[in-house]
C-alpha atoms as a PDB file:
ATOM      1  CA  MET A   1       0.000   0.000   0.000  1.00  0.00           C
ATOM      2  CA  GLU A   2       1.096   3.552  -0.587  1.00  0.00           C
ATOM      3  CA  ASN A   3       1.697   5.810   2.399  1.00  0.00           C
ATOM      4  CA  PRO A   4      -0.341   8.976   1.654  1.00  0.00           C
ATOM      5  CA  ARG A   5       2.199  11.157   3.481  1.00  0.00           C
ATOM      6  CA  ASN A   6       5.379  10.192   1.648  1.00  0.00           C
ATOM      7  CA  GLY A   7       4.303   7.958  -1.255  1.00  0.00           C
ATOM      8  CA  ILE A   8       6.412   5.001  -0.086  1.00  0.00           C
ATOM      9  CA  LEU A   9       4.984   1.576  -0.928  1.00  0.00           C
ATOM     10  CA  ALA A  10       4.994  -0.920   1.932  1.00  0.00           C
ATOM     11  CA  PRO A  11       3.376  -4.324   2.525  1.00  0.00           C
ATOM     12  CA  ARG A  12       0.363  -3.987   4.827  1.00  0.00           C
ATOM     13  CA  VAL A  13      -2.508  -6.197   5.925  1.00  0.00           C
ATOM     14  CA  VAL A  14      -6.007  -4.745   6.202  1.00  0.00           C
ATOM     15  CA  LEU A  15      -8.807  -6.943   7.523  1.00  0.00           C
ATOM     16  CA  ASN A  16     -12.148  -6.238   5.897  1.00  0.00           C
ATOM     17  CA  SER A  17     -14.889  -6.868   8.432  1.00  0.00           C
ATOM     18  CA  ARG A  18     -18.486  -5.984   9.082  1.00  0.00           C
ATOM     19  CA  ASP A  19     -19.135  -3.284  11.638  1.00  0.00           C
ATOM     20  CA  ALA A  20     -20.033  -4.363  15.163  1.00  0.00           C
ATOM     21  CA  VAL A  21     -22.254  -3.162  17.974  1.00  0.00           C
ATOM     22  CA  ASN A  22     -22.228  -3.426  21.753  1.00  0.00           C
ATOM     23  CA  VAL A  23     -24.714  -2.481  24.431  1.00  0.00           C
ATOM     24  CA  VAL A  24     -24.377  -1.069  27.925  1.00  0.00           C
ATOM     25  CA  ALA A  25     -27.506  -2.659  29.403  1.00  0.00           C
ATOM     26  CA  VAL A  26     -28.798  -1.517  32.788  1.00  0.00           C
ATOM     27  CA  VAL A  27     -31.229  -3.655  34.785  1.00  0.00           C
ATOM     28  CA  ASP A  28     -33.462  -2.183  37.507  1.00  0.00           C
ATOM     29  CA  GLU A  29     -31.379   1.029  37.492  1.00  0.00           C
ATOM     30  CA  THR A  30     -28.750  -0.645  39.688  1.00  0.00           C
ATOM     31  CA  GLN A  31     -26.927  -3.341  37.698  1.00  0.00           C
ATOM     32  CA  MET A  32     -25.237  -3.791  34.334  1.00  0.00           C
ATOM     33  CA  VAL A  33     -25.364  -6.891  32.168  1.00  0.00           C
ATOM     34  CA  PHE A  34     -22.043  -8.472  31.188  1.00  0.00           C
ATOM     35  CA  VAL A  35     -21.039 -11.628  29.392  1.00  0.00           C
ATOM     36  CA  LYS A  36     -18.036 -13.739  30.294  1.00  0.00           C
ATOM     37  CA  GLN A  37     -16.602 -15.673  27.381  1.00  0.00           C
ATOM     38  CA  PHE A  38     -13.398 -17.240  26.124  1.00  0.00           C
ATOM     39  CA  ARG A  39     -11.410 -15.205  23.602  1.00  0.00           C
ATOM     40  CA  PHE A  40      -9.041 -17.141  21.375  1.00  0.00           C
ATOM     41  CA  GLY A  41      -6.692 -14.225  20.671  1.00  0.00           C
ATOM     42  CA  THR A  42      -5.635 -13.863  24.297  1.00  0.00           C
ATOM     43  CA  GLN A  43      -6.427 -17.469  25.261  1.00  0.00           C
ATOM     44  CA  ASN A  44      -8.356 -16.166  28.245  1.00  0.00           C
ATOM     45  CA  PHE A  45     -11.847 -15.373  29.500  1.00  0.00           C
ATOM     46  CA  THR A  46     -13.006 -11.767  29.244  1.00  0.00           C
ATOM     47  CA  LEU A  47     -15.791  -9.926  30.982  1.00  0.00           C
ATOM     48  CA  GLU A  48     -17.449  -7.648  28.442  1.00  0.00           C
ATOM     49  CA  ILE A  49     -20.730  -6.027  27.526  1.00  0.00           C
ATOM     50  CA  PRO A  50     -23.014  -7.877  25.077  1.00  0.00           C
ATOM     51  CA  GLY A  51     -22.471  -7.273  21.389  1.00  0.00           C
ATOM     52  CA  GLY A  52     -21.404  -8.690  18.080  1.00  0.00           C
ATOM     53  CA  LEU A  53     -21.219  -8.243  14.330  1.00  0.00           C
ATOM     54  CA  ILE A  54     -23.897  -6.343  12.462  1.00  0.00           C
ATOM     55  CA  ASP A  55     -25.592  -8.431   9.776  1.00  0.00           C
ATOM     56  CA  GLU A  56     -25.369  -7.247   6.159  1.00  0.00           C
ATOM     57  CA  GLY A  57     -27.841  -4.364   5.680  1.00  0.00           C
ATOM     58  CA  GLU A  58     -28.866  -4.373   9.364  1.00  0.00           C
ATOM     59  CA  ASP A  59     -29.273  -1.101  11.234  1.00  0.00           C
ATOM     60  CA  PRO A  60     -26.757  -0.883  14.133  1.00  0.00           C
ATOM     61  CA  LYS A  61     -29.520  -0.163  16.657  1.00  0.00           C
ATOM     62  CA  VAL A  62     -31.486  -3.228  15.515  1.00  0.00           C
ATOM     63  CA  ALA A  63     -28.300  -5.296  15.720  1.00  0.00           C
ATOM     64  CA  GLY A  64     -27.765  -4.127  19.308  1.00  0.00           C
ATOM     65  CA  ILE A  65     -31.277  -5.180  20.273  1.00  0.00           C
ATOM     66  CA  ARG A  66     -30.720  -8.566  18.593  1.00  0.00           C
ATOM     67  CA  GLU A  67     -27.289  -9.173  20.131  1.00  0.00           C
ATOM     68  CA  LEU A  68     -28.497  -8.288  23.643  1.00  0.00           C
ATOM     69  CA  ARG A  69     -31.408 -10.722  23.309  1.00  0.00           C
ATOM     70  CA  GLU A  70     -29.344 -13.505  21.735  1.00  0.00           C
ATOM     71  CA  GLU A  71     -26.473 -13.341  24.216  1.00  0.00           C
ATOM     72  CA  THR A  72     -28.335 -12.572  27.441  1.00  0.00           C
ATOM     73  CA  GLY A  73     -32.054 -13.082  26.914  1.00  0.00           C
ATOM     74  CA  TYR A  74     -32.764  -9.498  27.983  1.00  0.00           C
ATOM     75  CA  LYS A  75     -35.143  -7.357  25.965  1.00  0.00           C
ATOM     76  CA  ALA A  76     -33.837  -3.864  25.249  1.00  0.00           C
ATOM     77  CA  GLY A  77     -35.772  -0.731  26.057  1.00  0.00           C
ATOM     78  CA  ASP A  78     -35.013   2.511  24.236  1.00  0.00           C
ATOM     79  CA  MET A  79     -31.609   2.297  22.557  1.00  0.00           C
ATOM     80  CA  LEU A  80     -29.622   5.482  23.034  1.00  0.00           C
ATOM     81  CA  PRO A  81     -26.465   5.943  20.973  1.00  0.00           C
ATOM     82  CA  LEU A  82     -23.274   6.508  22.968  1.00  0.00           C
ATOM     83  CA  GLY A  83     -20.949   6.907  19.983  1.00  0.00           C
ATOM     84  CA  LYS A  84     -18.843   4.869  17.601  1.00  0.00           C
ATOM     85  CA  ILE A  85     -15.157   4.026  17.385  1.00  0.00           C
ATOM     86  CA  ALA A  86     -12.858   2.419  14.849  1.00  0.00           C
ATOM     87  CA  SER A  87     -12.563  -1.267  15.740  1.00  0.00           C
ATOM     88  CA  ASN A  88      -8.788  -1.264  15.289  1.00  0.00           C
ATOM     89  CA  PRO A  89      -7.651   1.345  12.741  1.00  0.00           C
ATOM     90  CA  VAL A  90      -4.149  -0.147  12.575  1.00  0.00           C
ATOM     91  CA  TYR A  91      -5.335  -3.032  10.398  1.00  0.00           C
ATOM     92  CA  MET A  92      -9.157  -3.129  10.288  1.00  0.00           C
ATOM     93  CA  ASP A  93     -11.697  -1.170   8.260  1.00  0.00           C
ATOM     94  CA  ALA A  94     -14.645  -1.676  10.633  1.00  0.00           C
ATOM     95  CA  TYR A  95     -16.354   0.415  13.295  1.00  0.00           C
ATOM     96  CA  VAL A  96     -18.082  -0.432  16.596  1.00  0.00           C
ATOM     97  CA  PHE A  97     -21.339   1.313  17.485  1.00  0.00           C
ATOM     98  CA  HIS A  98     -21.988   1.754  21.225  1.00  0.00           C
ATOM     99  CA  TYR A  99     -25.512   1.956  22.664  1.00  0.00           C
ATOM    100  CA  GLN A 100     -27.063   2.042  26.094  1.00  0.00           C
ATOM    101  CA  THR A 101     -30.439   0.692  27.119  1.00  0.00           C
ATOM    102  CA  THR A 102     -32.495  -0.072  30.173  1.00  0.00           C
ATOM    103  CA  CYS A 103     -33.955  -3.563  30.424  1.00  0.00           C
ATOM    104  CA  ALA A 104     -36.461  -5.042  32.801  1.00  0.00           C
ATOM    105  CA  ALA A 105     -35.390  -8.268  34.492  1.00  0.00           C
ATOM    106  CA  LEU A 106     -38.866  -9.731  33.915  1.00  0.00           C
ATOM    107  CA  LEU A 107     -38.559  -9.536  30.122  1.00  0.00           C
ATOM    108  CA  ARG A 108     -35.980 -12.311  29.777  1.00  0.00           C
ATOM    109  CA  SER A 109     -36.171 -14.842  26.960  1.00  0.00           C
ATOM    110  CA  GLU A 110     -34.065 -17.819  25.892  1.00  0.00           C
ATOM    111  CA  THR A 111     -30.546 -17.101  24.695  1.00  0.00           C
ATOM    112  CA  GLU A 112     -29.439 -17.971  21.161  1.00  0.00           C
ATOM    113  CA  PHE A 113     -25.666 -18.377  21.191  1.00  0.00           C
ATOM    114  CA  ASP A 114     -23.709 -18.526  17.952  1.00  0.00           C
ATOM    115  CA  GLU A 115     -21.937 -21.822  17.258  1.00  0.00           C
ATOM    116  CA  GLY A 116     -18.638 -20.590  18.717  1.00  0.00           C
ATOM    117  CA  GLU A 117     -20.104 -18.843  21.772  1.00  0.00           C
ATOM    118  CA  ASP A 118     -20.104 -20.210  25.304  1.00  0.00           C
ATOM    119  CA  ILE A 119     -21.362 -17.311  27.380  1.00  0.00           C
ATOM    120  CA  GLU A 120     -21.936 -16.839  31.096  1.00  0.00           C
ATOM    121  CA  ILE A 121     -24.241 -13.924  31.987  1.00  0.00           C
ATOM    122  CA  VAL A 122     -22.958 -11.739  34.836  1.00  0.00           C
ATOM    123  CA  LEU A 123     -24.847  -8.898  36.547  1.00  0.00           C
ATOM    124  CA  LEU A 124     -22.722  -6.296  38.353  1.00  0.00           C
ATOM    125  CA  PRO A 125     -23.699  -3.265  40.435  1.00  0.00           C
ATOM    126  CA  ILE A 126     -23.071  -0.056  38.493  1.00  0.00           C
ATOM    127  CA  GLU A 127     -20.759   1.289  41.224  1.00  0.00           C
ATOM    128  CA  LYS A 128     -18.630  -1.872  41.017  1.00  0.00           C
ATOM    129  CA  VAL A 129     -18.461  -1.570  37.205  1.00  0.00           C
ATOM    130  CA  GLN A 130     -17.137   1.970  37.510  1.00  0.00           C
ATOM    131  CA  GLU A 131     -14.577   0.849  40.102  1.00  0.00           C
ATOM    132  CA  MET A 132     -13.488  -2.063  37.876  1.00  0.00           C
ATOM    133  CA  LEU A 133     -13.207   0.221  34.848  1.00  0.00           C
ATOM    134  CA  TYR A 134     -10.939   2.732  36.565  1.00  0.00           C
ATOM    135  CA  SER A 135      -8.778   0.031  38.160  1.00  0.00           C
ATOM    136  CA  GLY A 136      -8.090  -1.730  34.841  1.00  0.00           C
ATOM    137  CA  LYS A 137     -10.146  -4.891  35.385  1.00  0.00           C
ATOM    138  CA  PHE A 138     -11.599  -4.990  31.846  1.00  0.00           C
ATOM    139  CA  ASP A 139      -9.480  -6.289  28.952  1.00  0.00           C
ATOM    140  CA  HIS A 140     -11.774  -5.805  25.973  1.00  0.00           C
ATOM    141  CA  PRO A 141     -11.141  -2.356  24.424  1.00  0.00           C
ATOM    142  CA  HIS A 142     -14.684  -2.068  23.044  1.00  0.00           C
ATOM    143  CA  THR A 143     -16.128  -2.621  26.515  1.00  0.00           C
ATOM    144  CA  ILE A 144     -13.752  -0.043  27.950  1.00  0.00           C
ATOM    145  CA  SER A 145     -14.628   2.587  25.338  1.00  0.00           C
ATOM    146  CA  ALA A 146     -18.381   1.981  25.683  1.00  0.00           C
ATOM    147  CA  LEU A 147     -18.199   2.264  29.476  1.00  0.00           C
ATOM    148  CA  MET A 148     -16.127   5.457  29.214  1.00  0.00           C
ATOM    149  CA  TYR A 149     -18.799   6.919  26.926  1.00  0.00           C
ATOM    150  CA  TYR A 150     -21.481   5.781  29.371  1.00  0.00           C
ATOM    151  CA  PHE A 151     -19.864   7.191  32.505  1.00  0.00           C
ATOM    152  CA  HIS A 152     -18.641  10.403  30.854  1.00  0.00           C
ATOM    153  CA  GLY A 153     -20.998  10.901  27.924  1.00  0.00           C
ATOM    154  CA  VAL A 154     -24.646  11.608  27.362  1.00  0.00           C
ATOM    155  CA  HIS A 155     -27.111   9.249  29.065  1.00  0.00           C
END
């Protein structure tokens, strides 16, 4: 690829991917919904907010509602946009859309995990989430950015 600054050609890898979405989901105004799952890249379990890839032609908000239901069984309320970030601009062309929603614990349905998913649902008090965020307890950068938007953005 050609460097636009100096015109030098250099070998580069760019991963073409669909955009993704994740959801900061609050239950009963006191807890947040997280999923714990194994991530092959780090060979470790991560605690992260629900989310996933947006289907071809799917609206990001609709994808967030779908991903929350599929991964946790919770039904989303109003979906409020928190912002979007580049997934990893070093070598990816995709973006991640962050949303927040309030869900009622009584509106749970059956989960629908993808073939490669093995998810444990974890509810955490909002105060503990904030403490964990600022003390570096989350590894997934998309969870970190969404929570930073939530705690410091519009909601």
